[in-house]
PDB file of all heavy atoms in Angstrom:
ATOM      1  N   LEU A   1     -54.688 127.648 -70.648  1.00  0.00           N
ATOM      2  CA  LEU A   1     -55.758 127.042 -69.803  1.00  0.00           C
ATOM      3  C   LEU A   1     -55.003 126.124 -68.792  1.00  0.00           C
ATOM      4  O   LEU A   1     -53.848 125.778 -68.894  1.00  0.00           O
ATOM      5  CB  LEU A   1     -56.554 126.071 -70.721  1.00  0.00           C
ATOM      6  CG  LEU A   1     -55.977 124.953 -71.685  1.00  0.00           C
ATOM      7  CD1 LEU A   1     -55.977 123.737 -70.693  1.00  0.00           C
ATOM      8  CD2 LEU A   1     -56.808 124.858 -72.872  1.00  0.00           C
ATOM      9  N   THR A   2     -55.688 125.774 -67.672  1.00  0.00           N
ATOM     10  CA  THR A   2     -55.097 124.916 -66.636  1.00  0.00           C
ATOM     11  C   THR A   2     -55.555 123.544 -66.845  1.00  0.00           C
ATOM     12  O   THR A   2     -56.774 123.245 -67.036  1.00  0.00           O
ATOM     13  CB  THR A   2     -55.583 125.489 -65.312  1.00  0.00           C
ATOM     14  OG1 THR A   2     -55.081 126.767 -65.252  1.00  0.00           O
ATOM     15  CG2 THR A   2     -54.967 124.690 -64.120  1.00  0.00           C
ATOM     16  N   ILE A   3     -54.634 122.591 -66.802  1.00  0.00           N
ATOM     17  CA  ILE A   3     -54.930 121.275 -66.763  1.00  0.00           C
ATOM     18  C   ILE A   3     -55.389 120.812 -65.407  1.00  0.00           C
ATOM     19  O   ILE A   3     -54.654 121.155 -64.491  1.00  0.00           O
ATOM     20  CB  ILE A   3     -53.715 120.255 -67.307  1.00  0.00           C
ATOM     21  CG1 ILE A   3     -53.385 120.645 -68.667  1.00  0.00           C
ATOM     22  CG2 ILE A   3     -54.055 118.878 -67.227  1.00  0.00           C
ATOM     23  CD1 ILE A   3     -52.153 120.075 -69.200  1.00  0.00           C
ATOM     24  N   PRO A   4     -56.475 120.250 -65.103  1.00  0.00           N
ATOM     25  CA  PRO A   4     -57.016 119.992 -63.856  1.00  0.00           C
ATOM     26  C   PRO A   4     -55.883 119.219 -63.060  1.00  0.00           C
ATOM     27  O   PRO A   4     -55.262 118.314 -63.668  1.00  0.00           O
ATOM     28  CB  PRO A   4     -58.305 119.166 -64.090  1.00  0.00           C
ATOM     29  CG  PRO A   4     -58.694 119.580 -65.376  1.00  0.00           C
ATOM     30  CD  PRO A   4     -57.469 119.839 -66.176  1.00  0.00           C
ATOM     31  N   VAL A   5     -55.796 119.466 -61.861  1.00  0.00           N
ATOM     32  CA  VAL A   5     -54.853 118.879 -60.916  1.00  0.00           C
ATOM     33  C   VAL A   5     -54.914 117.384 -60.938  1.00  0.00           C
ATOM     34  O   VAL A   5     -53.762 116.632 -60.963  1.00  0.00           O
ATOM     35  CB  VAL A   5     -54.868 119.446 -59.551  1.00  0.00           C
ATOM     36  CG1 VAL A   5     -56.156 118.870 -58.837  1.00  0.00           C
ATOM     37  CG2 VAL A   5     -53.639 118.940 -58.691  1.00  0.00           C
ATOM     38  N   SER A   6     -56.124 116.761 -60.963  1.00  0.00           N
ATOM     39  CA  SER A   6     -56.152 115.233 -61.014  1.00  0.00           C
ATOM     40  C   SER A   6     -55.541 114.641 -62.214  1.00  0.00           C
ATOM     41  O   SER A   6     -54.907 113.575 -62.245  1.00  0.00           O
ATOM     42  CB  SER A   6     -57.704 114.784 -60.780  1.00  0.00           C
ATOM     43  OG  SER A   6     -58.494 115.289 -61.841  1.00  0.00           O
ATOM     44  N   PHE A   7     -55.708 115.360 -63.360  1.00  0.00           N
ATOM     45  CA  PHE A   7     -55.150 114.888 -64.599  1.00  0.00           C
ATOM     46  C   PHE A   7     -53.636 114.961 -64.536  1.00  0.00           C
ATOM     47  O   PHE A   7     -52.873 114.109 -64.973  1.00  0.00           O
ATOM     48  CB  PHE A   7     -55.557 115.692 -65.844  1.00  0.00           C
ATOM     49  CG  PHE A   7     -57.084 115.421 -66.127  1.00  0.00           C
ATOM     50  CD1 PHE A   7     -57.903 114.620 -65.376  1.00  0.00           C
ATOM     51  CD2 PHE A   7     -57.572 116.170 -67.243  1.00  0.00           C
ATOM     52  CE1 PHE A   7     -59.223 114.447 -65.731  1.00  0.00           C
ATOM     53  CE2 PHE A   7     -58.899 115.948 -67.632  1.00  0.00           C
ATOM     54  CZ  PHE A   7     -59.754 115.085 -66.991  1.00  0.00           C
ATOM     55  N   ARG A   8     -53.161 116.101 -64.017  1.00  0.00           N
ATOM     56  CA  ARG A   8     -51.656 116.303 -63.970  1.00  0.00           C
ATOM     57  C   ARG A   8     -51.048 115.224 -62.969  1.00  0.00           C
ATOM     58  O   ARG A   8     -49.946 114.683 -63.196  1.00  0.00           O
ATOM     59  CB  ARG A   8     -51.415 117.778 -63.350  1.00  0.00           C
ATOM     60  CG  ARG A   8     -51.697 118.805 -64.459  1.00  0.00           C
ATOM     61  CD  ARG A   8     -51.103 120.138 -63.950  1.00  0.00           C
ATOM     62  NE  ARG A   8     -51.176 120.529 -62.584  1.00  0.00           N
ATOM     63  CZ  ARG A   8     -52.192 121.266 -62.036  1.00  0.00           C
ATOM     64  NH1 ARG A   8     -53.171 121.649 -62.839  1.00  0.00           N
ATOM     65  NH2 ARG A   8     -52.100 121.439 -60.852  1.00  0.00           N
ATOM     66  N   GLN A   9     -51.697 114.956 -61.887  1.00  0.00           N
ATOM     67  CA  GLN A   9     -51.269 113.887 -61.019  1.00  0.00           C
ATOM     68  C   GLN A   9     -51.195 112.602 -61.581  1.00  0.00           C
ATOM     69  O   GLN A   9     -50.258 111.931 -61.381  1.00  0.00           O
ATOM     70  CB  GLN A   9     -52.039 113.851 -59.717  1.00  0.00           C
ATOM     71  CG  GLN A   9     -51.871 115.029 -58.812  1.00  0.00           C
ATOM     72  CD  GLN A   9     -52.811 115.237 -57.560  1.00  0.00           C
ATOM     73  OE1 GLN A   9     -53.996 114.626 -57.682  1.00  0.00           O
ATOM     74  NE2 GLN A   9     -52.513 115.967 -56.658  1.00  0.00           N
ATOM     75  N   GLU A  10     -52.279 112.175 -62.229  1.00  0.00           N
ATOM     76  CA  GLU A  10     -52.329 110.881 -62.930  1.00  0.00           C
ATOM     77  C   GLU A  10     -51.288 110.776 -63.878  1.00  0.00           C
ATOM     78  O   GLU A  10     -50.739 109.657 -64.005  1.00  0.00           O
ATOM     79  CB  GLU A  10     -53.763 110.673 -63.479  1.00  0.00           C
ATOM     80  CG  GLU A  10     -53.968 109.353 -64.048  1.00  0.00           C
ATOM     81  CD  GLU A  10     -55.388 109.064 -64.527  1.00  0.00           C
ATOM     82  OE1 GLU A  10     -56.376 109.637 -63.937  1.00  0.00           O
ATOM     83  OE2 GLU A  10     -55.603 108.295 -65.418  1.00  0.00           O
ATOM     84  N   LEU A  11     -50.948 111.765 -64.655  1.00  0.00           N
ATOM     85  CA  LEU A  11     -49.933 111.720 -65.777  1.00  0.00           C
ATOM     86  C   LEU A  11     -48.536 112.039 -65.300  1.00  0.00           C
ATOM     87  O   LEU A  11     -47.525 111.872 -65.955  1.00  0.00           O
ATOM     88  CB  LEU A  11     -50.294 112.651 -66.886  1.00  0.00           C
ATOM     89  CG  LEU A  11     -51.563 112.361 -67.601  1.00  0.00           C
ATOM     90  CD1 LEU A  11     -51.930 113.399 -68.652  1.00  0.00           C
ATOM     91  CD2 LEU A  11     -51.332 110.937 -68.397  1.00  0.00           C
ATOM     92  N   GLY A  12     -48.439 112.503 -64.000  1.00  0.00           N
ATOM     93  CA  GLY A  12     -47.076 112.857 -63.442  1.00  0.00           C
ATOM     94  C   GLY A  12     -46.447 114.055 -64.012  1.00  0.00           C
ATOM     95  O   GLY A  12     -45.248 114.170 -64.203  1.00  0.00           O
ATOM     96  N   LEU A  13     -47.419 115.042 -64.495  1.00  0.00           N
ATOM     97  CA  LEU A  13     -46.961 116.209 -65.117  1.00  0.00           C
ATOM     98  C   LEU A  13     -46.468 117.222 -64.100  1.00  0.00           C
ATOM     99  O   LEU A  13     -47.194 117.546 -63.135  1.00  0.00           O
ATOM    100  CB  LEU A  13     -48.111 116.785 -65.934  1.00  0.00           C
ATOM    101  CG  LEU A  13     -48.544 115.953 -67.144  1.00  0.00           C
ATOM    102  CD1 LEU A  13     -49.691 116.622 -67.845  1.00  0.00           C
ATOM    103  CD2 LEU A  13     -47.469 115.710 -68.153  1.00  0.00           C
ATOM    104  N   LYS A  14     -45.372 117.700 -64.236  1.00  0.00           N
ATOM    105  CA  LYS A  14     -44.732 118.791 -63.393  1.00  0.00           C
ATOM    106  C   LYS A  14     -44.527 120.134 -64.097  1.00  0.00           C
ATOM    107  O   LYS A  14     -44.353 120.064 -65.242  1.00  0.00           O
ATOM    108  CB  LYS A  14     -43.401 118.251 -62.793  1.00  0.00           C
ATOM    109  CG  LYS A  14     -43.499 116.868 -62.155  1.00  0.00           C
ATOM    110  CD  LYS A  14     -44.113 117.038 -60.699  1.00  0.00           C
ATOM    111  CE  LYS A  14     -44.060 115.549 -60.117  1.00  0.00           C
ATOM    112  NZ  LYS A  14     -44.883 115.382 -59.066  1.00  0.00           N
ATOM    113  N   PRO A  15     -44.465 121.115 -63.345  1.00  0.00           N
ATOM    114  CA  PRO A  15     -44.193 122.570 -63.944  1.00  0.00           C
ATOM    115  C   PRO A  15     -42.894 122.362 -64.836  1.00  0.00           C
ATOM    116  O   PRO A  15     -41.895 121.838 -64.449  1.00  0.00           O
ATOM    117  CB  PRO A  15     -44.032 123.472 -62.865  1.00  0.00           C
ATOM    118  CG  PRO A  15     -44.714 122.734 -61.696  1.00  0.00           C
ATOM    119  CD  PRO A  15     -44.599 121.373 -61.854  1.00  0.00           C
ATOM    120  N   GLY A  16     -42.956 122.982 -65.964  1.00  0.00           N
ATOM    121  CA  GLY A  16     -41.745 122.999 -66.810  1.00  0.00           C
ATOM    122  C   GLY A  16     -41.755 121.844 -67.949  1.00  0.00           C
ATOM    123  O   GLY A  16     -40.988 121.798 -68.780  1.00  0.00           O
ATOM    124  N   ARG A  17     -42.559 120.920 -67.554  1.00  0.00           N
ATOM    125  CA  ARG A  17     -42.569 119.583 -68.568  1.00  0.00           C
ATOM    126  C   ARG A  17     -43.226 119.871 -69.853  1.00  0.00           C
ATOM    127  O   ARG A  17     -44.188 120.673 -70.001  1.00  0.00           O
ATOM    128  CB  ARG A  17     -43.427 118.565 -67.744  1.00  0.00           C
ATOM    129  CG  ARG A  17     -43.671 117.329 -68.477  1.00  0.00           C
ATOM    130  CD  ARG A  17     -42.619 116.265 -68.018  1.00  0.00           C
ATOM    131  NE  ARG A  17     -42.670 115.062 -68.660  1.00  0.00           N
ATOM    132  CZ  ARG A  17     -43.298 113.933 -68.178  1.00  0.00           C
ATOM    133  NH1 ARG A  17     -43.784 113.956 -66.909  1.00  0.00           N
ATOM    134  NH2 ARG A  17     -43.275 112.873 -68.801  1.00  0.00           N
ATOM    135  N   LYS A  18     -42.628 119.452 -70.902  1.00  0.00           N
ATOM    136  CA  LYS A  18     -43.085 119.607 -72.193  1.00  0.00           C
ATOM    137  C   LYS A  18     -44.100 118.611 -72.648  1.00  0.00           C
ATOM    138  O   LYS A  18     -44.090 117.500 -72.263  1.00  0.00           O
ATOM    139  CB  LYS A  18     -41.946 119.448 -73.221  1.00  0.00           C
ATOM    140  CG  LYS A  18     -40.817 120.482 -73.077  1.00  0.00           C
ATOM    141  CD  LYS A  18     -41.090 121.823 -73.515  1.00  0.00           C
ATOM    142  CE  LYS A  18     -39.958 122.663 -73.518  1.00  0.00           C
ATOM    143  NZ  LYS A  18     -40.311 124.159 -73.732  1.00  0.00           N
ATOM    144  N   ILE A  19     -45.185 119.092 -73.329  1.00  0.00           N
ATOM    145  CA  ILE A  19     -46.311 118.241 -73.752  1.00  0.00           C
ATOM    146  C   ILE A  19     -46.450 118.503 -75.224  1.00  0.00           C
ATOM    147  O   ILE A  19     -46.162 119.547 -75.762  1.00  0.00           O
ATOM    148  CB  ILE A  19     -47.566 118.491 -72.935  1.00  0.00           C
ATOM    149  CG1 ILE A  19     -48.015 119.930 -72.961  1.00  0.00           C
ATOM    150  CG2 ILE A  19     -47.353 117.985 -71.482  1.00  0.00           C
ATOM    151  CD1 ILE A  19     -49.431 120.156 -72.378  1.00  0.00           C
ATOM    152  N   ALA A  20     -47.167 117.540 -75.880  1.00  0.00           N
ATOM    153  CA  ALA A  20     -47.437 117.717 -77.289  1.00  0.00           C
ATOM    154  C   ALA A  20     -48.852 118.000 -77.373  1.00  0.00           C
ATOM    155  O   ALA A  20     -49.802 117.363 -76.779  1.00  0.00           O
ATOM    156  CB  ALA A  20     -47.150 116.412 -78.015  1.00  0.00           C
ATOM    157  N   VAL A  21     -49.276 118.954 -78.303  1.00  0.00           N
ATOM    158  CA  VAL A  21     -50.599 119.388 -78.573  1.00  0.00           C
ATOM    159  C   VAL A  21     -50.911 119.256 -79.870  1.00  0.00           C
ATOM    160  O   VAL A  21     -50.080 119.756 -80.833  1.00  0.00           O
ATOM    161  CB  VAL A  21     -50.882 120.876 -78.018  1.00  0.00           C
ATOM    162  CG1 VAL A  21     -52.341 121.181 -78.303  1.00  0.00           C
ATOM    163  CG2 VAL A  21     -50.495 121.059 -76.518  1.00  0.00           C
ATOM    164  N   SER A  22     -51.962 118.551 -80.346  1.00  0.00           N
ATOM    165  CA  SER A  22     -52.224 118.453 -81.815  1.00  0.00           C
ATOM    166  C   SER A  22     -53.702 118.745 -81.975  1.00  0.00           C
ATOM    167  O   SER A  22     -54.616 118.561 -81.098  1.00  0.00           O
ATOM    168  CB  SER A  22     -51.946 117.033 -82.251  1.00  0.00           C
ATOM    169  OG  SER A  22     -52.575 115.983 -81.568  1.00  0.00           O
ATOM    170  N   LEU A  23     -54.042 119.018 -83.244  1.00  0.00           N
ATOM    171  CA  LEU A  23     -55.409 119.355 -83.675  1.00  0.00           C
ATOM    172  C   LEU A  23     -55.669 118.259 -84.806  1.00  0.00           C
ATOM    173  O   LEU A  23     -55.080 118.452 -85.931  1.00  0.00           O
ATOM    174  CB  LEU A  23     -55.626 120.804 -84.037  1.00  0.00           C
ATOM    175  CG  LEU A  23     -56.870 121.208 -84.567  1.00  0.00           C
ATOM    176  CD1 LEU A  23     -57.981 121.093 -83.528  1.00  0.00           C
ATOM    177  CD2 LEU A  23     -56.848 122.652 -85.056  1.00  0.00           C
ATOM    178  N   THR A  24     -56.849 117.530 -84.677  1.00  0.00           N
ATOM    179  CA  THR A  24     -57.140 116.643 -85.700  1.00  0.00           C
ATOM    180  C   THR A  24     -58.688 116.636 -85.781  1.00  0.00           C
ATOM    181  O   THR A  24     -59.334 116.357 -84.800  1.00  0.00           O
ATOM    182  CB  THR A  24     -56.675 115.229 -85.486  1.00  0.00           C
ATOM    183  OG1 THR A  24     -55.345 115.335 -85.236  1.00  0.00           O
ATOM    184  CG2 THR A  24     -56.992 114.344 -86.604  1.00  0.00           C
ATOM    185  N   ALA A  25     -59.231 116.980 -86.819  1.00  0.00           N
ATOM    186  CA  ALA A  25     -60.651 116.966 -87.136  1.00  0.00           C
ATOM    187  C   ALA A  25     -61.476 117.707 -86.118  1.00  0.00           C
ATOM    188  O   ALA A  25     -62.422 117.262 -85.585  1.00  0.00           O
ATOM    189  CB  ALA A  25     -61.205 115.590 -87.312  1.00  0.00           C
ATOM    190  N   GLY A  26     -60.900 118.857 -85.729  1.00  0.00           N
ATOM    191  CA  GLY A  26     -61.676 119.714 -84.693  1.00  0.00           C
ATOM    192  C   GLY A  26     -61.489 119.154 -83.325  1.00  0.00           C
ATOM    193  O   GLY A  26     -62.123 119.823 -82.296  1.00  0.00           O
ATOM    194  N   VAL A  27     -60.618 118.314 -82.971  1.00  0.00           N
ATOM    195  CA  VAL A  27     -60.369 117.779 -81.679  1.00  0.00           C
ATOM    196  C   VAL A  27     -58.959 118.154 -81.164  1.00  0.00           C
ATOM    197  O   VAL A  27     -58.029 117.750 -81.920  1.00  0.00           O
ATOM    198  CB  VAL A  27     -60.607 116.235 -81.559  1.00  0.00           C
ATOM    199  CG1 VAL A  27     -60.191 115.740 -80.160  1.00  0.00           C
ATOM    200  CG2 VAL A  27     -62.029 115.917 -81.931  1.00  0.00           C
TER     201      VAL A  27
END
């Protein structure tokens, strides 16, 4: 999935950047 550009800009996420993804209680 694509993270919306406004979110990437706000967080300073660049291509190749590692992120953490977790699943808790269906979220």
